N, C-alpha and C. Protein backbone atom coordinates (compact mmCIF):
# COMPACT_ATOMS: atom_id res chain seq x y z
N UNK A 1 0.85 -1.18 0.00
CA UNK A 1 0.00 0.00 0.00
C UNK A 1 0.89 1.24 0.00
N UNK A 2 0.66 2.15 -0.91
CA UNK A 2 1.44 3.38 -0.97
C UNK A 2 0.69 4.47 -0.22
N UNK A 3 1.29 4.94 0.86
CA UNK A 3 0.64 5.92 1.71
C UNK A 3 0.61 7.30 1.08
N UNK A 4 1.49 7.55 0.12
CA UNK A 4 1.52 8.84 -0.53
C UNK A 4 2.33 9.88 0.23
N UNK A 5 2.96 9.51 1.32
CA UNK A 5 3.78 10.46 2.07
C UNK A 5 5.21 10.40 1.58
N UNK A 6 5.81 11.56 1.35
CA UNK A 6 7.18 11.60 0.85
C UNK A 6 8.15 11.13 1.93
N UNK A 7 9.32 10.71 1.48
CA UNK A 7 10.35 10.28 2.42
C UNK A 7 10.73 11.42 3.36
N UNK A 8 10.72 12.65 2.84
CA UNK A 8 11.06 13.81 3.65
C UNK A 8 10.04 13.99 4.78
N UNK A 9 8.76 13.89 4.44
CA UNK A 9 7.71 14.03 5.46
C UNK A 9 7.81 12.92 6.49
N UNK A 10 8.01 11.71 6.03
CA UNK A 10 8.13 10.57 6.94
C UNK A 10 9.34 10.76 7.86
N UNK A 11 10.45 11.25 7.32
CA UNK A 11 11.64 11.48 8.14
C UNK A 11 11.37 12.53 9.21
N UNK A 12 10.67 13.60 8.83
CA UNK A 12 10.33 14.65 9.80
C UNK A 12 9.42 14.11 10.90
N UNK A 13 8.43 13.31 10.50
CA UNK A 13 7.52 12.72 11.49
C UNK A 13 8.30 11.80 12.42
N UNK A 14 9.21 11.01 11.87
CA UNK A 14 10.01 10.11 12.70
C UNK A 14 10.85 10.86 13.72
N UNK A 15 11.50 11.94 13.27
CA UNK A 15 12.30 12.74 14.20
C UNK A 15 11.42 13.37 15.27
N UNK A 16 10.28 13.92 14.86
CA UNK A 16 9.36 14.52 15.83
C UNK A 16 8.83 13.48 16.80
N UNK A 17 8.48 12.31 16.29
CA UNK A 17 7.95 11.24 17.13
C UNK A 17 8.97 10.85 18.20
N UNK A 18 10.23 10.76 17.83
CA UNK A 18 11.27 10.44 18.79
C UNK A 18 11.31 11.47 19.92
N UNK A 19 11.18 12.73 19.56
CA UNK A 19 11.20 13.79 20.57
C UNK A 19 9.93 13.75 21.43
N UNK A 20 8.79 13.54 20.79
CA UNK A 20 7.52 13.50 21.52
C UNK A 20 7.51 12.36 22.54
N UNK A 21 8.01 11.20 22.14
CA UNK A 21 8.06 10.05 23.06
C UNK A 21 8.96 10.37 24.25
N UNK A 22 10.10 10.99 23.99
CA UNK A 22 11.01 11.37 25.08
C UNK A 22 10.33 12.36 26.01
N UNK A 23 9.67 13.36 25.45
CA UNK A 23 8.95 14.36 26.25
C UNK A 23 7.90 13.67 27.12
N UNK A 24 7.14 12.76 26.52
CA UNK A 24 6.10 12.05 27.28
C UNK A 24 6.70 11.27 28.44
N UNK A 25 7.83 10.61 28.19
CA UNK A 25 8.46 9.82 29.24
C UNK A 25 8.93 10.70 30.40
N UNK A 26 9.56 11.81 30.07
CA UNK A 26 10.07 12.72 31.10
C UNK A 26 8.91 13.29 31.92
N UNK A 27 7.91 13.79 31.24
CA UNK A 27 6.81 14.44 31.96
C UNK A 27 5.94 13.44 32.71
N UNK A 28 5.82 12.22 32.20
CA UNK A 28 5.05 11.21 32.92
C UNK A 28 5.69 10.94 34.28
N UNK A 29 7.01 10.83 34.29
CA UNK A 29 7.72 10.62 35.55
C UNK A 29 7.51 11.80 36.50
N UNK A 30 7.59 13.02 35.95
CA UNK A 30 7.42 14.21 36.79
C UNK A 30 6.00 14.31 37.34
N UNK A 31 5.00 14.02 36.49
CA UNK A 31 3.61 14.10 36.93
C UNK A 31 3.35 13.10 38.05
N UNK A 32 3.95 11.92 37.95
CA UNK A 32 3.76 10.91 38.99
C UNK A 32 4.41 11.30 40.31
N UNK A 33 5.39 12.20 40.26
CA UNK A 33 6.12 12.55 41.48
C UNK A 33 5.55 13.77 42.20
N UNK A 34 4.60 14.48 41.56
CA UNK A 34 4.02 15.65 42.22
C UNK A 34 2.71 15.27 42.90
N UNK A 35 2.36 16.04 43.92
CA UNK A 35 1.19 15.68 44.71
C UNK A 35 -0.10 16.35 44.31
N UNK A 36 -0.04 17.60 43.86
CA UNK A 36 -1.29 18.33 43.66
C UNK A 36 -1.79 18.22 42.22
N UNK A 37 -3.10 18.31 42.09
CA UNK A 37 -3.71 18.30 40.76
C UNK A 37 -3.27 19.51 39.94
N UNK A 38 -3.10 20.65 40.61
CA UNK A 38 -2.65 21.85 39.90
C UNK A 38 -1.28 21.64 39.28
N UNK A 39 -0.38 21.03 40.04
CA UNK A 39 0.96 20.75 39.52
C UNK A 39 0.89 19.76 38.36
N UNK A 40 0.04 18.75 38.49
CA UNK A 40 -0.11 17.77 37.42
C UNK A 40 -0.62 18.44 36.15
N UNK A 41 -1.61 19.33 36.31
CA UNK A 41 -2.15 20.04 35.14
C UNK A 41 -1.08 20.92 34.51
N UNK A 42 -0.30 21.60 35.33
CA UNK A 42 0.73 22.49 34.82
C UNK A 42 1.77 21.68 34.03
N UNK A 43 2.19 20.56 34.57
CA UNK A 43 3.17 19.72 33.89
C UNK A 43 2.60 19.13 32.60
N UNK A 44 1.35 18.72 32.64
CA UNK A 44 0.71 18.17 31.44
C UNK A 44 0.65 19.23 30.34
N UNK A 45 0.32 20.45 30.72
CA UNK A 45 0.28 21.55 29.76
C UNK A 45 1.66 21.83 29.19
N UNK A 46 2.68 21.81 30.04
CA UNK A 46 4.06 22.00 29.56
C UNK A 46 4.46 20.90 28.59
N UNK A 47 4.08 19.67 28.89
CA UNK A 47 4.41 18.54 28.02
C UNK A 47 3.76 18.72 26.65
N UNK A 48 2.50 19.14 26.64
CA UNK A 48 1.81 19.36 25.37
C UNK A 48 2.48 20.46 24.56
N UNK A 49 2.85 21.55 25.24
CA UNK A 49 3.53 22.65 24.54
C UNK A 49 4.87 22.20 23.99
N UNK A 50 5.61 21.42 24.76
CA UNK A 50 6.91 20.92 24.30
C UNK A 50 6.75 20.00 23.09
N UNK A 51 5.73 19.16 23.12
CA UNK A 51 5.47 18.26 21.99
C UNK A 51 5.12 19.05 20.74
N UNK A 52 4.27 20.06 20.89
CA UNK A 52 3.90 20.89 19.74
C UNK A 52 5.14 21.57 19.16
N UNK A 53 6.00 22.09 20.03
CA UNK A 53 7.23 22.72 19.56
C UNK A 53 8.12 21.73 18.82
N UNK A 54 8.24 20.52 19.34
CA UNK A 54 9.08 19.50 18.70
C UNK A 54 8.56 19.19 17.29
N UNK A 55 7.26 19.10 17.16
CA UNK A 55 6.65 18.82 15.86
C UNK A 55 6.87 19.98 14.91
N UNK A 56 6.63 21.20 15.39
CA UNK A 56 6.76 22.37 14.54
C UNK A 56 8.22 22.64 14.16
N UNK A 57 9.16 22.29 15.03
CA UNK A 57 10.57 22.46 14.70
C UNK A 57 11.00 21.59 13.52
N UNK A 58 10.25 20.54 13.26
CA UNK A 58 10.54 19.69 12.10
C UNK A 58 9.90 20.24 10.83
N UNK A 59 9.19 21.36 10.96
CA UNK A 59 8.55 21.95 9.79
C UNK A 59 7.21 21.33 9.47
N UNK A 60 6.60 20.70 10.46
CA UNK A 60 5.31 20.03 10.28
C UNK A 60 4.22 20.80 11.02
N UNK A 61 3.02 20.74 10.49
CA UNK A 61 1.88 21.20 11.27
C UNK A 61 1.42 20.04 12.14
N UNK A 62 0.66 20.37 13.17
CA UNK A 62 0.14 19.31 14.05
C UNK A 62 -0.76 18.38 13.24
N UNK A 63 -1.55 18.94 12.33
CA UNK A 63 -2.45 18.09 11.54
C UNK A 63 -1.66 17.16 10.61
N UNK A 64 -0.56 17.64 10.04
CA UNK A 64 0.28 16.77 9.19
C UNK A 64 0.86 15.62 10.02
N UNK A 65 1.41 15.96 11.17
CA UNK A 65 1.99 14.96 12.06
C UNK A 65 0.95 13.92 12.45
N UNK A 66 -0.21 14.40 12.91
CA UNK A 66 -1.27 13.48 13.33
C UNK A 66 -1.76 12.61 12.18
N UNK A 67 -1.83 13.18 10.98
CA UNK A 67 -2.30 12.41 9.82
C UNK A 67 -1.36 11.25 9.52
N UNK A 68 -0.05 11.52 9.56
CA UNK A 68 0.92 10.47 9.27
C UNK A 68 0.90 9.41 10.37
N UNK A 69 0.87 9.85 11.63
CA UNK A 69 0.86 8.89 12.74
C UNK A 69 -0.40 8.03 12.69
N UNK A 70 -1.54 8.65 12.40
CA UNK A 70 -2.79 7.92 12.30
C UNK A 70 -2.76 6.93 11.14
N UNK A 71 -2.25 7.38 10.00
CA UNK A 71 -2.16 6.49 8.83
C UNK A 71 -1.22 5.32 9.12
N UNK A 72 -0.16 5.58 9.87
CA UNK A 72 0.80 4.52 10.19
C UNK A 72 0.18 3.43 11.06
N UNK A 73 -0.85 3.80 11.81
CA UNK A 73 -1.54 2.80 12.65
C UNK A 73 -2.19 1.70 11.81
N UNK A 74 -2.58 2.02 10.59
CA UNK A 74 -3.27 1.05 9.74
C UNK A 74 -2.45 0.63 8.53
N UNK A 75 -1.26 1.19 8.37
CA UNK A 75 -0.40 0.89 7.22
C UNK A 75 0.96 0.42 7.72
N UNK A 76 1.17 -0.90 7.79
CA UNK A 76 2.43 -1.42 8.34
C UNK A 76 3.67 -0.91 7.61
N UNK A 77 3.58 -0.70 6.29
CA UNK A 77 4.73 -0.20 5.55
C UNK A 77 5.08 1.21 5.99
N UNK A 78 4.07 2.06 6.12
CA UNK A 78 4.29 3.43 6.58
C UNK A 78 4.81 3.43 8.01
N UNK A 79 4.23 2.57 8.84
CA UNK A 79 4.68 2.48 10.23
C UNK A 79 6.18 2.16 10.28
N UNK A 80 6.62 1.21 9.47
CA UNK A 80 8.04 0.85 9.43
C UNK A 80 8.90 2.01 8.97
N UNK A 81 8.41 2.75 7.97
CA UNK A 81 9.16 3.92 7.47
C UNK A 81 9.30 4.98 8.56
N UNK A 82 8.22 5.22 9.30
CA UNK A 82 8.27 6.22 10.38
C UNK A 82 9.22 5.75 11.47
N UNK A 83 9.07 4.51 11.89
CA UNK A 83 9.91 4.00 12.98
C UNK A 83 11.39 3.98 12.58
N UNK A 84 11.66 3.71 11.31
CA UNK A 84 13.04 3.71 10.84
C UNK A 84 13.65 5.11 10.89
N UNK A 85 12.81 6.13 10.83
CA UNK A 85 13.28 7.52 10.84
C UNK A 85 13.45 8.08 12.25
N UNK A 86 12.98 7.34 13.26
CA UNK A 86 13.14 7.82 14.65
C UNK A 86 14.62 7.71 15.00
N UNK A 87 15.21 8.83 15.43
CA UNK A 87 16.63 8.77 15.80
C UNK A 87 16.86 7.85 16.99
N UNK A 88 17.94 7.14 16.94
CA UNK A 88 18.30 6.28 18.08
C UNK A 88 19.45 6.93 18.82
N UNK A 89 19.36 6.90 20.13
CA UNK A 89 20.40 7.48 20.94
C UNK A 89 21.50 6.46 21.11
N UNK A 90 22.71 6.95 21.21
CA UNK A 90 23.74 6.00 21.47
C UNK A 90 25.01 6.41 20.85
């Protein structure tokens, strides 16, 4: 199945996805360590803003990013292309 997404777009989504996952992991740990609902809300809001920035820094709109990620859920070939573009640390 040809998803119609260019290699450049897929690469950008992969890089953004790597950053978004890292942001989610960091903030999830922080949210679990705070006691008040206000603090949890503040951290959740910061995490969302950081994720949006990571996506936009790749030159993508939120809708473009979401469209590719959603399409990858039902297209194994696209999913592999996106995952292959996620930077690995090391």
